[in-house]
Amino acid sequence: MIKTNRVILAAALSLAAISATAATIPGKGKGSMPTFTNVTTAPVVFTAKSQSWSNPAFGDMGWTHHSGWGFITANQGQTVTITANSEVKGIHPGATVWYRGATELAGGVTPVKAVKAAPATDTTPAVTAVTGVSGVAPYDYVLDHFYIQNGNMSKIGAMTEDEPAVAIGNLVMKYVIHGYDVDGNTVNDADLKPKKDNVAGKLTLSFKAAKTGTYMFVVGGFNPDSNITDHAALNNIAVSVKVK
């Protein structure tokens, strides 16, 4: 598939996911998602499948539950550096960071407050009910089971996947940065931001925090080497974060 078609397909899939799918907890069943702060120094081992950050089976989008997820707390102006080292030769990490703002929705949409339906009276017009609840959704939720690596994702009045579904608020994932390990990689895709440091299996992303708050990030595999034949296996990727 040529790059133009890949971008179009990914965009179509992401729009379908955002409009039709409930919020999910990416770390469910894999343990808690670690929170990195300026006092967190020890690396944390994430587990991810070899094609989880960009999988051709889903229009080259990322698979939520096949990837590893974490949080970073930072103050405005601090520099955040994420380093991902694959413990398996032939795995190339990819990563994306989003800001989990309480009020800023992707596309500049203003959060809404839930209101109850009300019939018209002699002095007031009818009110149409707005689903969902006001405020921000819990940070450990994301949209759908796959994600776009290089864009915003948001949902007004997000609902859980529980039965019955529960309204959890407005879910906001505002894109910050993304990239992947291109050293020894057979794919060099400018849209996905190849990062070269002459060490195969290692990826470093760095950004300055534009706002004080919580940043969510994902780490997964992208275009593994030919020696990786079991694409269903979970591979260890050691992740460290510096905030200063």
Protein backbone atom coordinates (compact mmCIF):
# COMPACT_ATOMS: atom_id res chain seq x y z
CA MET A 1 0.00 0.00 0.00
CA ILE A 2 1.46 3.39 -0.96
CA LYS A 3 1.76 6.08 1.68
CA THR A 4 -1.10 8.22 0.33
CA ASN A 5 -3.54 5.32 0.62
CA ARG A 6 -2.19 4.45 4.07
CA VAL A 7 -2.90 7.96 5.34
CA ILE A 8 -6.40 8.05 3.84
CA LEU A 9 -7.30 4.63 5.24
CA ALA A 10 -5.92 5.46 8.68
CA ALA A 11 -7.91 8.68 8.77
CA ALA A 12 -11.11 6.90 7.76
CA LEU A 13 -10.64 4.21 10.40
CA SER A 14 -9.90 6.77 13.12
CA LEU A 15 -13.01 8.79 12.33
CA ALA A 16 -15.13 5.65 12.46
CA ALA A 17 -13.61 4.66 15.79
CA ILE A 18 -14.10 8.06 17.40
CA SER A 19 -17.71 8.38 16.29
CA ALA A 20 -18.90 4.87 17.08
CA THR A 21 -16.82 3.28 19.83
CA ALA A 22 -16.77 3.50 23.62
CA ALA A 23 -13.84 4.36 25.86
CA THR A 24 -11.53 1.54 26.90
CA ILE A 25 -8.80 1.03 29.52
CA PRO A 26 -5.63 0.09 27.60
CA GLY A 27 -3.83 -1.43 30.58
CA LYS A 28 -6.73 -3.64 31.65
CA GLY A 29 -5.46 -7.17 32.17
CA LYS A 30 -1.82 -6.08 31.94
CA GLY A 31 -1.41 -4.43 35.34
CA SER A 32 -1.44 -0.77 36.29
CA MET A 33 -0.05 1.89 33.97
CA PRO A 34 3.04 3.52 35.54
CA THR A 35 3.14 7.24 36.27
CA PHE A 36 6.51 8.92 35.73
CA THR A 37 7.39 12.10 37.62
CA ASN A 38 10.57 14.10 38.24
CA VAL A 39 11.43 11.63 41.01
CA THR A 40 10.88 8.47 38.96
CA THR A 41 14.27 7.20 37.78
CA ALA A 42 14.15 3.40 37.44
CA PRO A 43 13.13 2.03 33.99
CA VAL A 44 9.80 0.23 33.74
CA VAL A 45 9.39 -2.81 31.49
CA PHE A 46 6.51 -2.41 29.05
CA THR A 47 5.19 -5.31 26.97
CA ALA A 48 4.12 -4.84 23.36
CA LYS A 49 3.62 -6.84 20.20
CA SER A 50 6.03 -6.42 17.30
CA GLN A 51 3.54 -4.53 15.09
CA SER A 52 1.46 -2.87 17.80
CA TRP A 53 2.39 0.78 17.15
CA SER A 54 1.64 0.47 13.42
CA ASN A 55 -0.12 -2.63 12.15
CA PRO A 56 -0.88 -3.18 8.44
CA ALA A 57 -3.95 -5.22 9.41
CA PHE A 58 -5.59 -2.02 10.69
CA GLY A 59 -4.54 0.46 8.03
CA ASP A 60 -1.19 0.90 9.81
CA MET A 61 -2.86 2.26 12.93
CA GLY A 62 -1.77 1.30 16.45
CA TRP A 63 -3.42 -1.48 18.45
CA THR A 64 -4.41 -0.19 21.88
CA HIS A 65 -4.32 -3.43 23.87
CA HIS A 66 -1.23 -4.74 22.08
CA SER A 67 0.82 -1.72 23.17
CA GLY A 68 2.24 -0.50 26.49
CA TRP A 69 0.93 2.70 28.11
CA GLY A 70 2.12 5.13 30.78
CA PHE A 71 1.60 8.58 32.26
CA ILE A 72 3.93 11.53 32.83
CA THR A 73 3.30 14.48 35.13
CA ALA A 74 5.19 17.64 34.19
CA ASN A 75 5.12 21.37 34.77
CA GLN A 76 4.95 23.93 31.99
CA GLY A 77 8.41 24.55 30.55
CA GLN A 78 9.96 21.30 31.78
CA THR A 79 11.73 19.06 29.27
CA VAL A 80 10.44 15.50 29.09
CA THR A 81 12.59 12.75 27.56
CA ILE A 82 11.23 9.26 26.94
CA THR A 83 13.66 6.46 26.10
CA ALA A 84 12.47 3.02 24.96
CA ASN A 85 14.93 0.13 24.63
CA SER A 86 13.79 -3.18 23.19
CA GLU A 87 15.09 -6.22 25.05
CA VAL A 88 14.43 -8.34 21.93
CA LYS A 89 16.70 -7.93 18.90
CA GLY A 90 14.68 -7.03 15.82
CA ILE A 91 11.95 -5.05 17.60
CA HIS A 92 11.79 -1.36 16.66
CA PRO A 93 9.90 0.80 19.18
CA GLY A 94 7.48 3.53 18.18
CA ALA A 95 5.88 5.98 20.62
CA THR A 96 3.27 8.75 20.78
CA VAL A 97 2.53 11.31 23.51
CA TRP A 98 -0.78 13.08 24.14
CA TYR A 99 -1.69 15.81 26.64
CA ARG A 100 -4.70 14.85 28.76
CA GLY A 101 -6.20 18.32 29.26
CA ALA A 102 -9.28 18.86 31.35
CA THR A 103 -10.83 21.51 29.12
CA GLU A 104 -9.14 21.58 25.74
CA LEU A 105 -10.72 19.21 23.25
CA ALA A 106 -9.13 18.28 19.96
CA GLY A 107 -10.26 20.68 17.26
CA GLY A 108 -10.97 23.45 19.75
CA VAL A 109 -14.36 22.07 20.81
CA THR A 110 -15.68 23.43 24.10
CA PRO A 111 -16.67 20.77 26.69
CA VAL A 112 -20.41 20.43 27.29
CA LYS A 113 -22.36 19.93 30.49
CA ALA A 114 -24.98 17.23 30.75
CA VAL A 115 -28.54 18.52 30.94
CA LYS A 116 -31.89 16.79 31.33
CA ALA A 117 -34.58 16.90 28.70
CA ALA A 118 -37.42 19.31 29.50
CA PRO A 119 -40.73 19.92 27.73
CA ALA A 120 -41.69 23.34 26.43
CA THR A 121 -43.78 25.63 28.60
CA ASP A 122 -45.55 28.92 27.97
CA THR A 123 -42.37 30.79 28.84
CA THR A 124 -39.47 28.43 28.01
CA PRO A 125 -38.54 26.39 24.90
CA ALA A 126 -38.09 22.62 24.97
CA VAL A 127 -34.64 21.39 26.03
CA THR A 128 -32.99 18.43 24.32
CA ALA A 129 -31.05 16.12 26.61
CA VAL A 130 -27.27 16.05 26.20
CA THR A 131 -25.71 12.65 26.88
CA GLY A 132 -22.62 12.21 28.97
CA VAL A 133 -21.44 14.14 31.99
CA SER A 134 -19.53 17.35 32.43
CA GLY A 135 -15.84 17.38 33.23
CA VAL A 136 -12.89 15.31 32.11
CA ALA A 137 -12.92 11.51 31.80
CA PRO A 138 -10.52 9.49 33.97
CA TYR A 139 -7.02 9.56 32.51
CA ASP A 140 -6.69 5.78 32.30
CA TYR A 141 -9.31 5.63 29.54
CA VAL A 142 -8.55 6.04 25.82
CA LEU A 143 -10.72 5.96 22.72
CA ASP A 144 -11.36 2.64 21.03
CA HIS A 145 -9.10 -0.37 20.46
CA PHE A 146 -6.80 1.28 17.96
CA TYR A 147 -5.23 4.73 17.74
CA ILE A 148 -3.75 7.24 15.32
CA GLN A 149 -0.08 7.88 15.98
CA ASN A 150 0.07 11.51 14.91
CA GLY A 151 -3.14 13.30 15.80
CA ASN A 152 -5.70 14.46 18.35
CA MET A 153 -8.49 12.20 19.59
CA SER A 154 -11.52 13.35 21.57
CA LYS A 155 -15.03 12.32 22.55
CA ILE A 156 -17.78 14.44 24.10
CA GLY A 157 -19.66 12.43 26.73
CA ALA A 158 -17.51 9.29 26.56
CA MET A 159 -19.11 6.01 27.66
CA THR A 160 -17.44 2.94 29.16
CA GLU A 161 -17.55 -0.51 27.62
CA ASP A 162 -19.28 -1.86 30.71
CA GLU A 163 -22.75 -3.38 30.61
CA PRO A 164 -24.60 -1.19 31.22
CA ALA A 165 -22.37 1.56 29.84
CA VAL A 166 -21.53 4.43 32.19
CA ALA A 167 -20.93 8.06 31.21
CA ILE A 168 -17.45 9.17 32.31
CA GLY A 169 -17.13 12.69 30.92
CA ASN A 170 -15.25 14.29 28.03
CA LEU A 171 -12.23 12.29 26.85
CA VAL A 172 -9.41 14.39 25.44
CA MET A 173 -6.11 13.20 23.93
CA LYS A 174 -4.27 16.20 22.48
CA TYR A 175 -1.32 15.17 20.31
CA VAL A 176 2.18 16.27 21.38
CA ILE A 177 4.88 14.20 19.62
CA HIS A 178 5.54 10.84 17.97
CA GLY A 179 8.36 8.89 16.33
CA TYR A 180 9.91 5.47 15.77
CA ASP A 181 13.30 3.74 15.71
CA VAL A 182 14.64 3.80 12.13
CA ASP A 183 18.08 2.30 12.84
CA GLY A 184 18.21 -1.01 10.97
CA ASN A 185 14.57 -0.55 10.00
CA THR A 186 13.60 -1.32 6.40
CA VAL A 187 10.91 1.40 6.43
CA ASN A 188 11.72 5.12 6.45
CA ASP A 189 8.36 6.91 6.64
CA ALA A 190 8.58 10.68 7.04
CA ASP A 191 4.97 10.92 8.27
CA LEU A 192 5.76 8.64 11.20
CA LYS A 193 8.88 10.65 12.18
CA PRO A 194 11.89 8.28 11.94
CA LYS A 195 14.43 8.81 14.75
CA LYS A 196 18.07 7.86 14.18
CA ASP A 197 20.68 7.43 16.93
CA ASN A 198 22.71 4.56 15.38
CA VAL A 199 21.33 2.09 17.94
CA ALA A 200 18.83 -0.41 16.57
CA GLY A 201 15.99 -1.12 18.99
CA LYS A 202 16.28 2.20 20.83
CA LEU A 203 14.00 5.22 20.56
CA THR A 204 14.28 8.61 22.28
CA LEU A 205 11.55 11.27 22.18
CA SER A 206 11.97 14.66 23.82
CA PHE A 207 9.58 17.60 24.17
CA LYS A 208 9.02 20.70 26.28
CA ALA A 209 5.80 20.60 28.28
CA ALA A 210 3.52 23.33 26.93
CA LYS A 211 1.17 23.00 29.90
CA THR A 212 1.31 21.76 33.46
CA GLY A 213 -0.56 18.50 33.81
CA THR A 214 -0.76 14.86 32.77
CA TYR A 215 0.71 13.46 29.57
CA MET A 216 -0.22 9.96 28.37
CA PHE A 217 2.07 7.97 26.10
CA VAL A 218 2.06 4.67 24.23
CA VAL A 219 4.96 2.42 23.22
CA GLY A 220 4.74 -0.39 20.69
CA GLY A 221 6.59 -2.16 17.90
CA PHE A 222 6.88 -0.99 14.28
CA ASN A 223 8.02 -3.03 11.27
CA PRO A 224 10.06 -5.75 13.04
CA ASP A 225 13.09 -7.40 11.44
CA SER A 226 12.77 -10.66 9.52
CA ASN A 227 13.97 -12.68 12.53
CA ILE A 228 10.70 -11.79 14.34
CA THR A 229 8.19 -14.38 13.15
CA ASP A 230 5.81 -14.56 16.11
CA HIS A 231 3.84 -11.33 15.81
CA ALA A 232 1.43 -12.42 18.56
CA ALA A 233 4.15 -12.55 21.21
CA LEU A 234 4.56 -9.80 23.81
CA ASN A 235 8.07 -8.32 23.78
CA ASN A 236 9.77 -6.50 26.64
CA ILE A 237 10.62 -2.84 26.05
CA ALA A 238 12.39 -1.02 28.91
CA VAL A 239 11.04 2.54 29.23
CA SER A 240 12.64 5.36 31.20
CA VAL A 241 11.48 8.97 31.51
CA LYS A 242 13.35 12.09 32.57
CA VAL A 243 11.47 15.25 33.59
CA LYS A 244 13.59 18.31 34.35
